[in-house]
Amino acid sequence: MLKIFNKFFHFSGKYKKYFYDSIILSVFYSIFEAIRIPAIAIVLKDMLENNMTEKTMFLSLGIMIVSIVGCSILKNKITMKQTIGGYELCANKRIDIAQHLKYVPMGYLNDNSLGYITSITTNTLEMLQDVATRVIMLSTQGFINTCIIGICVLIYDYRIGILIFLGILIFLGVNNIMQKKSNKLSPIKTESDSRLVEKILEYIQGISIVKSYNLSHQSNQKVIKAIDDNNDINYKMEKTFIPIMGLQTFVLKSMGILVILASIYFYLNNSMTLINCVLMIICSFIIYGQLESAGNYSALLRVMDNCVDKVNTVFDTPVMDVEGSEIIPKNYDINFDNVSFSYENRKVIDNMLFDIPQNTTTAIVGPSGGGKTTICNLIARFFDVDKGKITLGGNDIRRYKLDSLLKNISMVFQDVYLFQDTVANNIKFGSNNASREDVMKAAKKASCHDFIINLPNGYDTVIGEGGTSLSGGEKQRISIARAMLKDAPIIILDEATANVDAENEKQLQDAIEELTRDKTIIMIAHRLKTVRNADQILVVDDGKIVQRGDHHSLIKEEGIYKQFIDVRKEAVGWQL
């Protein structure tokens, strides 16, 4: 148990002071509760001696008032400390996770599903903020309260005091059994919670595919199974813990009865006064009250421990070395110097060597899976190379501080993601200091101003998560406006017009031309009209550059590029 507490306090970082303060206040809270015993003793003494006076009554009442007021004030402070500590801790852990994920290799986000990460930032941290902090405080406060009252009893009669502490030891033995059971079941529960969130998210995100293939029933079965599994583990935990909780309660109630019987026995053999006997009987009803509650909640300690471990798995994920320098490149030449890179055990880039001069356009073409997108991801340092180096302005990009490197690069992806926010804020993303005038200027250059002003609230229209309320072409133009506002010297276009209809294509091409003017351009494209005017074309296949040149030179060579052109000539979109 102490090991779990220590881990939680270490996990809490700077917020552990709230929990330490809460525990210290719990000691004083228990003292204020304990002083009710002498208040009762004063009244009992005078009553049994038939010597009750107003002075005694008011003295006892005064002590009781001090106890009640002290407990009320301290209870309020303890609760506030727990609440602030719990919510501040988990809110900042979510922010820390977001910051950490910015610097992990993109492969982590591919290998770890959205459901898993979502479960950690929602279910896991919510359980910590709502349950774990309360469990920590109730467990510690229950033991502190019982021990302090036990010490007070020791002062009156050491025999009853020893009996009370013996009850605590027996209780701890039973509680240890529950901790061992919890240790086995808690990982299963947290894993089941994650799987449930993952399956629900998977179902919702793929609902259009599910409906189009009429697979609602089959997909529902996965969600239903996840719900049933989660229900089973929750039921199993309750079924396991309730008998042990019952045994804990039985132990404490039995020890309370034993205190009563012992007190009567000691009184009858004249080794305890009547006053102390009655006082011990009263204490027997209150001594174990909070300990019983603490024992029941302690079943969740292992769940909390597992939650902490689960959150730490994110922070334990190695990040790339981002502690570089704030370098301003002397130029924007990009060089691949014998670069190799693998996803796990599969080599994707194999000893690649090429240059991209400043203010030129480089088109990357080739079969699917050849490594085109990986080249762009390596330039943006979404991954670090396994071998060789990539330089920007003559400096290895690993020498740059990551934020410093990314200031020089804007990316326009094939699949655009827009946030559930206003249109203006989506365009300003990454350029928070931009004025409304700057936003509108970028939107006009990206050919999206006209459709934006026709939205219900213009630039202040809140769009759905992922941009679901906009068409593909509209989303793409907003992403181009976003890149324009950033005004980075290097532009990476990852098949930016691949999923756009003919109606939007002309506007997108105009927007891209505006975006890429006087920039260093790297584009992945399969449309001839997109690549024919590139300064150089890199044909990538199986992680290697198999052809290099401009359109006019490559069209004369036998190879992949000429095959592409011949195939595209048969399609309307590729006619010259």
Foldseek 3Di string as FASTA:
>chain_A
DVVLVVLVLVLLPPLSVLVVVLLVLLLVLLVLVLLLLVLLLLQLVCVVVVNDDPVNVVVSVVSNVSSVVSNVVSVVSSVVSLLCSLVVSLVVLLVVLVVLVVFAFCLVPVVDDPLLVVCLNPVLSVCRSPAVSVLSSLLSSLVSNLLVSLVVLCVQPVVLSVLSVVLVVVLVVLLVVLQVVLLVLLVVLSVLSSQLSRLVVVCVVCVVVCVVVVPVPVSVVSNVVSVVSNVVSVVVSCVVVVVSLVVSVVSLLVSLVVQLVVLVVCVVVVNHPPSSSVSSNVCSVVSNVSVSVSSSSCSCSSNNSVSSVSSVVSVPRDGAQQPADLDDAPAFKKWFQLFWAADPPATQAGGETDIQHWQFAEEEEEDPSLCQVVVVCVQLPSDDTPDGFMDTNNHGCSNHRSVSSCLQEAEQEQQFWAAQFFLQVRLCVVPVVDDPVLLLVLLVLLVQQVVQCVPPNRRRDGADGRRVVDDSLNRRSSSLSSLQSSLHQEYEYEQSCVPPDPVSPVSNVSSVCSSSHSHRYYYYHLACVVQQPGQKYFYGGNNYGPDMGHPVVVCPDPDDVVVSLVVCCVPPRRPD
